[in-house]
Amino acid sequence: MAYNPLSLDTVCAALAEAMGITPPAEAAPANPTLTDYVNTAFGGARADRIFMYNPDAIAEWIWRKYPDFCRELPDNYALELPLCSVMPSVTPVCFGTMYTGAQPAVHGIRKYEKPVIRIDTLFDAAIRAGKKCAIVADNRCSIGKIFLEREMDYFLYPTVDEVNAKAAELIAADTYDLLVVYNENYDARMHKVGPEDPEALAELRANVHAFAMFSAMIRTHWTAHNTLAGFAMDHGCHEIDGNCGSHGLDMEEDLNIVHLYRAYPARA
């Protein structure tokens, strides 16, 4: 096993370019694989919708080792994008990089804390371009806190079920150009029982099922739009003593992740 060569910081500019907008000011150059995929899938046109589903802590090694728990995914992605997350490999640091395109030293979150990020983000870039943005997430989670104080909508709830119900409602309403949905259930269970415990793997299955549902809704409700949908985790995980799980270390298990993307061209 080795570290994946392309960094998580390449995703942000690729998403901006997919929408035909200027990337955030501090973003690293766009991921060429994702950019090429979008250009081909839309025939050179841009995506007018991006849907990002962000499950927490699903490592590449977990995804590859347990394909039976991910059996709905192949129907809902066309691009498999291996990435190397950033250090320390904890949630606010990694999501900070995912949506600014900047390394932690630049976006300012360098440990497990949840301040509002002040540098330019994908949300800021989209808002400047006249796009309507929303985050749907747990009201205690990192992604529900570090991107606050922007001219966009926030739907924050205490449970994953409420988050997913609201996300489904928003997809059906066909309103937002950039919609980000976060689920923390695999991470939360993995910390208590370990990454491979049946209870944790059941939450992995729940994440896969949620994305499959959202993808089906996009195919039904967003037919007028070129849409890019992503299954995009922040970091991985590993087992520690006491049959528990953790992450945050400079190791392949924590840093290697795989984003999954699919383009849905508009249909008349």
C-alpha atoms as a PDB file:
ATOM      1  CA  MET A   1       0.000   0.000   0.000  1.00  0.00           C
ATOM      2  CA  ALA A   2       1.206   3.521  -0.754  1.00  0.00           C
ATOM      3  CA  TYR A   3      -0.179   7.006  -0.555  1.00  0.00           C
ATOM      4  CA  ASN A   4      -2.454   7.999  -3.424  1.00  0.00           C
ATOM      5  CA  PRO A   5      -0.589  10.546  -5.583  1.00  0.00           C
ATOM      6  CA  LEU A   6      -3.289  13.205  -6.063  1.00  0.00           C
ATOM      7  CA  SER A   7      -4.252  15.351  -3.091  1.00  0.00           C
ATOM      8  CA  LEU A   8      -7.702  16.135  -1.765  1.00  0.00           C
ATOM      9  CA  ASP A   9      -6.863  19.798  -2.401  1.00  0.00           C
ATOM     10  CA  THR A  10      -7.295  19.249  -6.160  1.00  0.00           C
ATOM     11  CA  VAL A  11     -11.037  18.587  -5.891  1.00  0.00           C
ATOM     12  CA  CYS A  12     -12.248  22.120  -5.181  1.00  0.00           C
ATOM     13  CA  ALA A  13     -10.948  23.770  -8.345  1.00  0.00           C
ATOM     14  CA  ALA A  14     -12.187  20.827 -10.415  1.00  0.00           C
ATOM     15  CA  LEU A  15     -15.693  21.306  -9.012  1.00  0.00           C
ATOM     16  CA  ALA A  16     -15.511  25.037  -9.732  1.00  0.00           C
ATOM     17  CA  GLU A  17     -14.352  24.404 -13.284  1.00  0.00           C
ATOM     18  CA  ALA A  18     -17.110  21.831 -13.710  1.00  0.00           C
ATOM     19  CA  MET A  19     -19.590  24.637 -12.973  1.00  0.00           C
ATOM     20  CA  GLY A  20     -17.770  27.097 -15.212  1.00  0.00           C
ATOM     21  CA  ILE A  21     -16.871  29.437 -12.353  1.00  0.00           C
ATOM     22  CA  THR A  22     -13.564  30.849 -11.133  1.00  0.00           C
ATOM     23  CA  PRO A  23     -12.058  28.613  -8.430  1.00  0.00           C
ATOM     24  CA  PRO A  24     -11.471  29.946  -4.913  1.00  0.00           C
ATOM     25  CA  ALA A  25      -8.458  32.206  -4.602  1.00  0.00           C
ATOM     26  CA  GLU A  26      -6.229  29.759  -2.699  1.00  0.00           C
ATOM     27  CA  ALA A  27      -7.305  26.549  -4.431  1.00  0.00           C
ATOM     28  CA  ALA A  28      -4.702  24.142  -5.781  1.00  0.00           C
ATOM     29  CA  PRO A  29      -4.840  23.352  -9.519  1.00  0.00           C
ATOM     30  CA  ALA A  30      -7.848  21.323 -10.582  1.00  0.00           C
ATOM     31  CA  ASN A  31      -7.734  17.545 -10.481  1.00  0.00           C
ATOM     32  CA  PRO A  32      -7.104  16.609 -14.118  1.00  0.00           C
ATOM     33  CA  THR A  33      -8.928  13.283 -13.951  1.00  0.00           C
ATOM     34  CA  LEU A  34     -12.123  14.824 -12.628  1.00  0.00           C
ATOM     35  CA  THR A  35     -11.887  17.747 -15.061  1.00  0.00           C
ATOM     36  CA  ASP A  36     -11.407  15.436 -18.045  1.00  0.00           C
ATOM     37  CA  TYR A  37     -14.314  13.266 -16.954  1.00  0.00           C
ATOM     38  CA  VAL A  38     -16.674  16.245 -16.665  1.00  0.00           C
ATOM     39  CA  ASN A  39     -15.589  17.680 -20.022  1.00  0.00           C
ATOM     40  CA  THR A  40     -16.212  14.366 -21.738  1.00  0.00           C
ATOM     41  CA  ALA A  41     -19.462  13.560 -19.954  1.00  0.00           C
ATOM     42  CA  PHE A  42     -21.065  16.919 -20.781  1.00  0.00           C
ATOM     43  CA  GLY A  43     -19.524  17.275 -24.223  1.00  0.00           C
ATOM     44  CA  GLY A  44     -17.657  20.421 -23.240  1.00  0.00           C
ATOM     45  CA  ALA A  45     -20.679  22.000 -21.525  1.00  0.00           C
ATOM     46  CA  ARG A  46     -20.714  22.879 -17.836  1.00  0.00           C
ATOM     47  CA  ALA A  47     -22.579  21.402 -14.890  1.00  0.00           C
ATOM     48  CA  ASP A  48     -25.303  23.725 -13.690  1.00  0.00           C
ATOM     49  CA  ARG A  49     -25.881  21.507 -10.647  1.00  0.00           C
ATOM     50  CA  ILE A  50     -23.428  19.861  -8.251  1.00  0.00           C
ATOM     51  CA  PHE A  51     -24.573  17.483  -5.534  1.00  0.00           C
ATOM     52  CA  MET A  52     -21.937  16.433  -2.999  1.00  0.00           C
ATOM     53  CA  TYR A  53     -22.740  13.638  -0.556  1.00  0.00           C
ATOM     54  CA  ASN A  54     -20.127  13.642   2.219  1.00  0.00           C
ATOM     55  CA  PRO A  55     -20.043  10.464   4.350  1.00  0.00           C
ATOM     56  CA  ASP A  56     -17.463  10.637   7.129  1.00  0.00           C
ATOM     57  CA  ALA A  57     -14.384   8.422   7.539  1.00  0.00           C
ATOM     58  CA  ILE A  58     -14.948   5.796   4.851  1.00  0.00           C
ATOM     59  CA  ALA A  59     -11.400   4.711   4.043  1.00  0.00           C
ATOM     60  CA  GLU A  60     -10.317   3.369   0.683  1.00  0.00           C
ATOM     61  CA  TRP A  61      -9.331   0.094   2.330  1.00  0.00           C
ATOM     62  CA  ILE A  62     -12.815  -0.307   3.829  1.00  0.00           C
ATOM     63  CA  TRP A  63     -14.515   0.454   0.525  1.00  0.00           C
ATOM     64  CA  ARG A  64     -12.361  -2.093  -1.315  1.00  0.00           C
ATOM     65  CA  LYS A  65     -12.505  -4.802   1.361  1.00  0.00           C
ATOM     66  CA  TYR A  66     -16.288  -4.829   1.745  1.00  0.00           C
ATOM     67  CA  PRO A  67     -17.819  -4.567  -1.738  1.00  0.00           C
ATOM     68  CA  ASP A  68     -20.969  -6.417  -0.639  1.00  0.00           C
ATOM     69  CA  PHE A  69     -21.837  -3.473   1.593  1.00  0.00           C
ATOM     70  CA  CYS A  70     -21.418  -1.124  -1.395  1.00  0.00           C
ATOM     71  CA  ARG A  71     -23.359  -3.085  -3.987  1.00  0.00           C
ATOM     72  CA  GLU A  72     -25.593  -0.127  -4.933  1.00  0.00           C
ATOM     73  CA  LEU A  73     -22.654   2.132  -5.737  1.00  0.00           C
ATOM     74  CA  PRO A  74     -21.655   0.813  -9.196  1.00  0.00           C
ATOM     75  CA  ASP A  75     -24.963   1.988 -10.648  1.00  0.00           C
ATOM     76  CA  ASN A  76     -24.359   5.475  -9.268  1.00  0.00           C
ATOM     77  CA  TYR A  77     -20.805   6.374 -10.232  1.00  0.00           C
ATOM     78  CA  ALA A  78     -18.735   6.388 -13.393  1.00  0.00           C
ATOM     79  CA  LEU A  79     -15.461   7.832 -12.101  1.00  0.00           C
ATOM     80  CA  GLU A  80     -13.406   6.304  -9.302  1.00  0.00           C
ATOM     81  CA  LEU A  81     -10.979   8.961  -8.047  1.00  0.00           C
ATOM     82  CA  PRO A  82      -8.298   7.853  -5.544  1.00  0.00           C
ATOM     83  CA  LEU A  83      -7.082  10.745  -3.398  1.00  0.00           C
ATOM     84  CA  CYS A  84      -4.753  11.414  -0.496  1.00  0.00           C
ATOM     85  CA  SER A  85      -6.347  13.428   2.287  1.00  0.00           C
ATOM     86  CA  VAL A  86      -4.486  15.955   4.433  1.00  0.00           C
ATOM     87  CA  MET A  87      -2.878  16.001   7.862  1.00  0.00           C
ATOM     88  CA  PRO A  88      -4.017  15.836  10.491  1.00  0.00           C
ATOM     89  CA  SER A  89      -6.621  13.536   8.995  1.00  0.00           C
ATOM     90  CA  VAL A  90      -9.539  14.760  11.093  1.00  0.00           C
ATOM     91  CA  THR A  91     -12.887  15.994   9.871  1.00  0.00           C
ATOM     92  CA  PRO A  92     -12.740  19.816  10.029  1.00  0.00           C
ATOM     93  CA  VAL A  93      -9.205  19.896   8.612  1.00  0.00           C
ATOM     94  CA  CYS A  94     -10.113  17.660   5.681  1.00  0.00           C
ATOM     95  CA  PHE A  95     -13.430  19.296   4.798  1.00  0.00           C
ATOM     96  CA  GLY A  96     -11.678  22.642   5.048  1.00  0.00           C
ATOM     97  CA  THR A  97      -9.335  21.484   2.306  1.00  0.00           C
ATOM     98  CA  MET A  98     -12.070  19.830   0.235  1.00  0.00           C
ATOM     99  CA  TYR A  99     -14.062  23.054  -0.114  1.00  0.00           C
ATOM    100  CA  THR A 100     -11.259  25.635  -0.222  1.00  0.00           C
ATOM    101  CA  GLY A 101      -8.732  23.682  -2.287  1.00  0.00           C
ATOM    102  CA  ALA A 102      -6.107  24.862   0.189  1.00  0.00           C
ATOM    103  CA  GLN A 103      -3.810  23.011   2.535  1.00  0.00           C
ATOM    104  CA  PRO A 104      -4.560  23.278   6.276  1.00  0.00           C
ATOM    105  CA  ALA A 105      -1.795  25.823   6.869  1.00  0.00           C
ATOM    106  CA  VAL A 106      -3.601  28.093   4.398  1.00  0.00           C
ATOM    107  CA  HIS A 107      -7.256  27.611   5.352  1.00  0.00           C
ATOM    108  CA  GLY A 108      -6.327  27.812   9.012  1.00  0.00           C
ATOM    109  CA  ILE A 109      -7.752  24.669  10.630  1.00  0.00           C
ATOM    110  CA  ARG A 110      -4.832  22.513  11.727  1.00  0.00           C
ATOM    111  CA  LYS A 111      -6.386  20.426  14.511  1.00  0.00           C
ATOM    112  CA  TYR A 112      -9.797  19.192  15.608  1.00  0.00           C
ATOM    113  CA  GLU A 113     -11.563  22.513  16.047  1.00  0.00           C
ATOM    114  CA  LYS A 114     -14.444  24.156  14.186  1.00  0.00           C
ATOM    115  CA  PRO A 115     -13.879  27.871  13.573  1.00  0.00           C
ATOM    116  CA  VAL A 116     -15.505  29.560  10.603  1.00  0.00           C
ATOM    117  CA  ILE A 117     -13.085  29.484   7.665  1.00  0.00           C
ATOM    118  CA  ARG A 118     -12.342  33.012   6.483  1.00  0.00           C
ATOM    119  CA  ILE A 119     -10.555  32.353   3.208  1.00  0.00           C
ATOM    120  CA  ASP A 120     -12.305  31.878  -0.118  1.00  0.00           C
ATOM    121  CA  THR A 121     -14.332  28.667  -0.499  1.00  0.00           C
ATOM    122  CA  LEU A 122     -16.224  26.886  -3.240  1.00  0.00           C
ATOM    123  CA  PHE A 123     -19.396  28.289  -1.693  1.00  0.00           C
ATOM    124  CA  ASP A 124     -18.085  31.857  -1.974  1.00  0.00           C
ATOM    125  CA  ALA A 125     -17.036  31.269  -5.582  1.00  0.00           C
ATOM    126  CA  ALA A 126     -20.451  29.857  -6.454  1.00  0.00           C
ATOM    127  CA  ILE A 127     -22.293  32.687  -4.700  1.00  0.00           C
ATOM    128  CA  ARG A 128     -20.240  35.282  -6.615  1.00  0.00           C
ATOM    129  CA  ALA A 129     -21.296  33.554  -9.831  1.00  0.00           C
ATOM    130  CA  GLY A 130     -24.970  33.835  -8.890  1.00  0.00           C
ATOM    131  CA  LYS A 131     -25.386  30.233  -7.801  1.00  0.00           C
ATOM    132  CA  LYS A 132     -27.702  29.193  -4.983  1.00  0.00           C
ATOM    133  CA  CYS A 133     -25.961  27.042  -2.360  1.00  0.00           C
ATOM    134  CA  ALA A 134     -27.024  24.987   0.663  1.00  0.00           C
ATOM    135  CA  ILE A 135     -25.500  22.686   3.265  1.00  0.00           C
ATOM    136  CA  VAL A 136     -27.578  19.982   4.957  1.00  0.00           C
ATOM    137  CA  ALA A 137     -25.788  18.516   7.966  1.00  0.00           C
ATOM    138  CA  ASP A 138     -25.704  17.595  11.622  1.00  0.00           C
ATOM    139  CA  ASN A 139     -25.989  20.706  13.772  1.00  0.00           C
ATOM    140  CA  ARG A 140     -22.901  19.717  15.796  1.00  0.00           C
ATOM    141  CA  CYS A 141     -20.663  18.621  12.941  1.00  0.00           C
ATOM    142  CA  SER A 142     -17.667  20.294  11.369  1.00  0.00           C
ATOM    143  CA  ILE A 143     -19.179  20.929   7.964  1.00  0.00           C
ATOM    144  CA  GLY A 144     -22.194  22.512   9.620  1.00  0.00           C
ATOM    145  CA  LYS A 145     -19.960  25.023  11.418  1.00  0.00           C
ATOM    146  CA  ILE A 146     -16.806  25.863   9.450  1.00  0.00           C
ATOM    147  CA  PHE A 147     -18.656  27.270   6.402  1.00  0.00           C
ATOM    148  CA  LEU A 148     -21.178  29.425   8.265  1.00  0.00           C
ATOM    149  CA  GLU A 149     -21.680  33.182   7.805  1.00  0.00           C
ATOM    150  CA  ARG A 150     -22.140  33.088   4.045  1.00  0.00           C
ATOM    151  CA  GLU A 151     -25.059  34.170   1.875  1.00  0.00           C
ATOM    152  CA  MET A 152     -26.398  30.653   1.495  1.00  0.00           C
ATOM    153  CA  ASP A 153     -28.855  28.334   3.218  1.00  0.00           C
ATOM    154  CA  TYR A 154     -28.075  26.011   6.122  1.00  0.00           C
ATOM    155  CA  PHE A 155     -30.326  23.144   7.169  1.00  0.00           C
ATOM    156  CA  LEU A 156     -28.889  21.718  10.392  1.00  0.00           C
ATOM    157  CA  TYR A 157     -30.475  18.861  12.330  1.00  0.00           C
ATOM    158  CA  PRO A 158     -29.552  16.570  15.246  1.00  0.00           C
ATOM    159  CA  THR A 159     -29.999  13.252  13.401  1.00  0.00           C
ATOM    160  CA  VAL A 160     -28.931  11.662  10.126  1.00  0.00           C
ATOM    161  CA  ASP A 161     -32.531  10.702   9.380  1.00  0.00           C
ATOM    162  CA  GLU A 162     -33.589  14.344   9.557  1.00  0.00           C
ATOM    163  CA  VAL A 163     -30.631  15.423   7.447  1.00  0.00           C
ATOM    164  CA  ASN A 164     -31.438  12.902   4.734  1.00  0.00           C
ATOM    165  CA  ALA A 165     -35.149  13.651   4.753  1.00  0.00           C
ATOM    166  CA  LYS A 166     -34.406  17.343   4.247  1.00  0.00           C
ATOM    167  CA  ALA A 167     -31.887  16.606   1.513  1.00  0.00           C
ATOM    168  CA  ALA A 168     -34.485  14.513  -0.321  1.00  0.00           C
ATOM    169  CA  GLU A 169     -36.993  17.341   0.012  1.00  0.00           C
ATOM    170  CA  LEU A 170     -34.513  19.844  -1.425  1.00  0.00           C
ATOM    171  CA  ILE A 171     -33.636  17.617  -4.378  1.00  0.00           C
ATOM    172  CA  ALA A 172     -37.329  17.230  -5.164  1.00  0.00           C
ATOM    173  CA  ALA A 173     -37.785  21.016  -4.939  1.00  0.00           C
ATOM    174  CA  ASP A 174     -35.110  21.465  -7.655  1.00  0.00           C
ATOM    175  CA  THR A 175     -33.815  24.752  -6.215  1.00  0.00           C
ATOM    176  CA  TYR A 176     -30.098  24.626  -5.385  1.00  0.00           C
ATOM    177  CA  ASP A 177     -27.150  24.766  -7.774  1.00  0.00           C
ATOM    178  CA  LEU A 178     -24.636  23.507  -5.190  1.00  0.00           C
ATOM    179  CA  LEU A 179     -26.077  21.152  -2.578  1.00  0.00           C
ATOM    180  CA  VAL A 180     -23.813  19.535   0.045  1.00  0.00           C
ATOM    181  CA  VAL A 181     -25.128  16.784   2.349  1.00  0.00           C
ATOM    182  CA  TYR A 182     -23.144  15.359   5.271  1.00  0.00           C
ATOM    183  CA  ASN A 183     -23.679  12.063   7.143  1.00  0.00           C
ATOM    184  CA  GLU A 184     -21.605  11.221  10.219  1.00  0.00           C
ATOM    185  CA  ASN A 185     -23.065   7.831  11.130  1.00  0.00           C
ATOM    186  CA  TYR A 186     -20.233   5.544   9.951  1.00  0.00           C
ATOM    187  CA  ASP A 187     -17.609   7.677  11.695  1.00  0.00           C
ATOM    188  CA  ALA A 188     -19.613   7.850  14.917  1.00  0.00           C
ATOM    189  CA  ARG A 189     -20.116   4.089  15.104  1.00  0.00           C
ATOM    190  CA  MET A 190     -16.604   3.228  13.895  1.00  0.00           C
ATOM    191  CA  HIS A 191     -15.034   5.148  16.795  1.00  0.00           C
ATOM    192  CA  LYS A 192     -16.976   3.059  19.305  1.00  0.00           C
ATOM    193  CA  VAL A 193     -16.795  -0.451  17.829  1.00  0.00           C
ATOM    194  CA  GLY A 194     -14.008  -0.393  15.217  1.00  0.00           C
ATOM    195  CA  PRO A 195     -14.027   0.080  11.428  1.00  0.00           C
ATOM    196  CA  GLU A 196     -14.929  -3.532  10.599  1.00  0.00           C
ATOM    197  CA  ASP A 197     -17.473  -4.290  13.282  1.00  0.00           C
ATOM    198  CA  PRO A 198     -20.863  -5.341  11.838  1.00  0.00           C
ATOM    199  CA  GLU A 199     -22.474  -2.315  13.465  1.00  0.00           C
ATOM    200  CA  ALA A 200     -20.052   0.041  11.727  1.00  0.00           C
ATOM    201  CA  LEU A 201     -20.424  -1.767   8.398  1.00  0.00           C
ATOM    202  CA  ALA A 202     -24.188  -1.429   8.717  1.00  0.00           C
ATOM    203  CA  GLU A 203     -23.658   2.341   8.802  1.00  0.00           C
ATOM    204  CA  LEU A 204     -21.459   2.085   5.711  1.00  0.00           C
ATOM    205  CA  ARG A 205     -24.353   0.293   4.065  1.00  0.00           C
ATOM    206  CA  ALA A 206     -26.681   3.066   5.209  1.00  0.00           C
ATOM    207  CA  ASN A 207     -24.412   5.678   3.610  1.00  0.00           C
ATOM    208  CA  VAL A 208     -24.383   3.754   0.326  1.00  0.00           C
ATOM    209  CA  HIS A 209     -28.161   3.375   0.418  1.00  0.00           C
ATOM    210  CA  ALA A 210     -28.610   7.108   1.091  1.00  0.00           C
ATOM    211  CA  PHE A 211     -26.436   8.035  -1.884  1.00  0.00           C
ATOM    212  CA  ALA A 212     -28.307   5.586  -4.102  1.00  0.00           C
ATOM    213  CA  MET A 213     -31.582   7.202  -3.055  1.00  0.00           C
ATOM    214  CA  PHE A 214     -30.276  10.720  -3.711  1.00  0.00           C
ATOM    215  CA  SER A 215     -28.910   9.623  -7.090  1.00  0.00           C
ATOM    216  CA  ALA A 216     -32.265   8.145  -8.084  1.00  0.00           C
ATOM    217  CA  MET A 217     -33.980  11.387  -7.081  1.00  0.00           C
ATOM    218  CA  ILE A 218     -31.513  13.443  -9.103  1.00  0.00           C
ATOM    219  CA  ARG A 219     -32.240  11.298 -12.160  1.00  0.00           C
ATOM    220  CA  THR A 220     -35.947  11.964 -11.634  1.00  0.00           C
ATOM    221  CA  HIS A 221     -36.078  15.599 -10.537  1.00  0.00           C
ATOM    222  CA  TRP A 222     -33.059  17.275 -12.125  1.00  0.00           C
ATOM    223  CA  THR A 223     -33.552  16.178 -15.718  1.00  0.00           C
ATOM    224  CA  ALA A 224     -33.339  19.778 -16.962  1.00  0.00           C
ATOM    225  CA  HIS A 225     -29.819  20.175 -15.597  1.00  0.00           C
ATOM    226  CA  ASN A 226     -26.318  18.929 -16.261  1.00  0.00           C
ATOM    227  CA  THR A 227     -25.600  17.503 -12.827  1.00  0.00           C
ATOM    228  CA  LEU A 228     -22.404  16.195 -11.260  1.00  0.00           C
ATOM    229  CA  ALA A 229     -22.975  13.995  -8.195  1.00  0.00           C
ATOM    230  CA  GLY A 230     -20.190  12.951  -5.830  1.00  0.00           C
ATOM    231  CA  PHE A 231     -19.803  10.393  -3.032  1.00  0.00           C
ATOM    232  CA  ALA A 232     -16.944  12.204  -1.336  1.00  0.00           C
ATOM    233  CA  MET A 233     -15.499  11.266   2.033  1.00  0.00           C
ATOM    234  CA  ASP A 234     -13.032  13.353   4.039  1.00  0.00           C
ATOM    235  CA  HIS A 235     -10.516  10.827   5.431  1.00  0.00           C
ATOM    236  CA  GLY A 236     -10.111   7.177   6.338  1.00  0.00           C
ATOM    237  CA  CYS A 237      -9.757   5.256   9.598  1.00  0.00           C
ATOM    238  CA  HIS A 238      -7.941   2.470  11.412  1.00  0.00           C
ATOM    239  CA  GLU A 239      -8.497   0.146  14.365  1.00  0.00           C
ATOM    240  CA  ILE A 240      -6.944   0.885  17.749  1.00  0.00           C
ATOM    241  CA  ASP A 241      -6.755  -0.965  21.051  1.00  0.00           C
ATOM    242  CA  GLY A 242     -10.004  -1.936  22.703  1.00  0.00           C
ATOM    243  CA  ASN A 243     -11.724  -2.777  19.409  1.00  0.00           C
ATOM    244  CA  CYS A 244     -12.309   0.906  18.741  1.00  0.00           C
ATOM    245  CA  GLY A 245     -11.603   2.997  15.662  1.00  0.00           C
ATOM    246  CA  SER A 246      -9.709   6.214  15.108  1.00  0.00           C
ATOM    247  CA  HIS A 247      -8.043   8.459  12.521  1.00  0.00           C
ATOM    248  CA  GLY A 248      -5.796  11.492  12.388  1.00  0.00           C
ATOM    249  CA  LEU A 249      -2.437   9.829  11.759  1.00  0.00           C
ATOM    250  CA  ASP A 250      -0.029  10.051   8.830  1.00  0.00           C
ATOM    251  CA  MET A 251      -0.759   6.562   7.546  1.00  0.00           C
ATOM    252  CA  GLU A 252      -2.289   5.094   4.415  1.00  0.00           C
ATOM    253  CA  GLU A 253      -5.362   3.778   6.245  1.00  0.00           C
ATOM    254  CA  ASP A 254      -6.261   7.292   7.387  1.00  0.00           C
ATOM    255  CA  LEU A 255      -5.202   9.256   4.318  1.00  0.00           C
ATOM    256  CA  ASN A 256      -6.157   7.140   1.309  1.00  0.00           C
ATOM    257  CA  ILE A 257      -9.737   7.704   0.180  1.00  0.00           C
ATOM    258  CA  VAL A 258     -11.697   7.234  -3.060  1.00  0.00           C
ATOM    259  CA  HIS A 259     -14.226   9.769  -4.312  1.00  0.00           C
ATOM    260  CA  LEU A 260     -16.894   8.492  -6.674  1.00  0.00           C
ATOM    261  CA  TYR A 261     -18.491  10.784  -9.281  1.00  0.00           C
ATOM    262  CA  ARG A 262     -21.168  10.519 -11.915  1.00  0.00           C
ATOM    263  CA  ALA A 263     -22.342  13.074 -14.455  1.00  0.00           C
ATOM    264  CA  TYR A 264     -25.996  13.205 -15.420  1.00  0.00           C
ATOM    265  CA  PRO A 265     -26.448  15.158 -18.676  1.00  0.00           C
ATOM    266  CA  ALA A 266     -29.662  17.109 -19.021  1.00  0.00           C
ATOM    267  CA  ARG A 267     -32.519  15.338 -20.787  1.00  0.00           C
ATOM    268  CA  ALA A 268     -35.173  17.050 -22.863  1.00  0.00           C
END
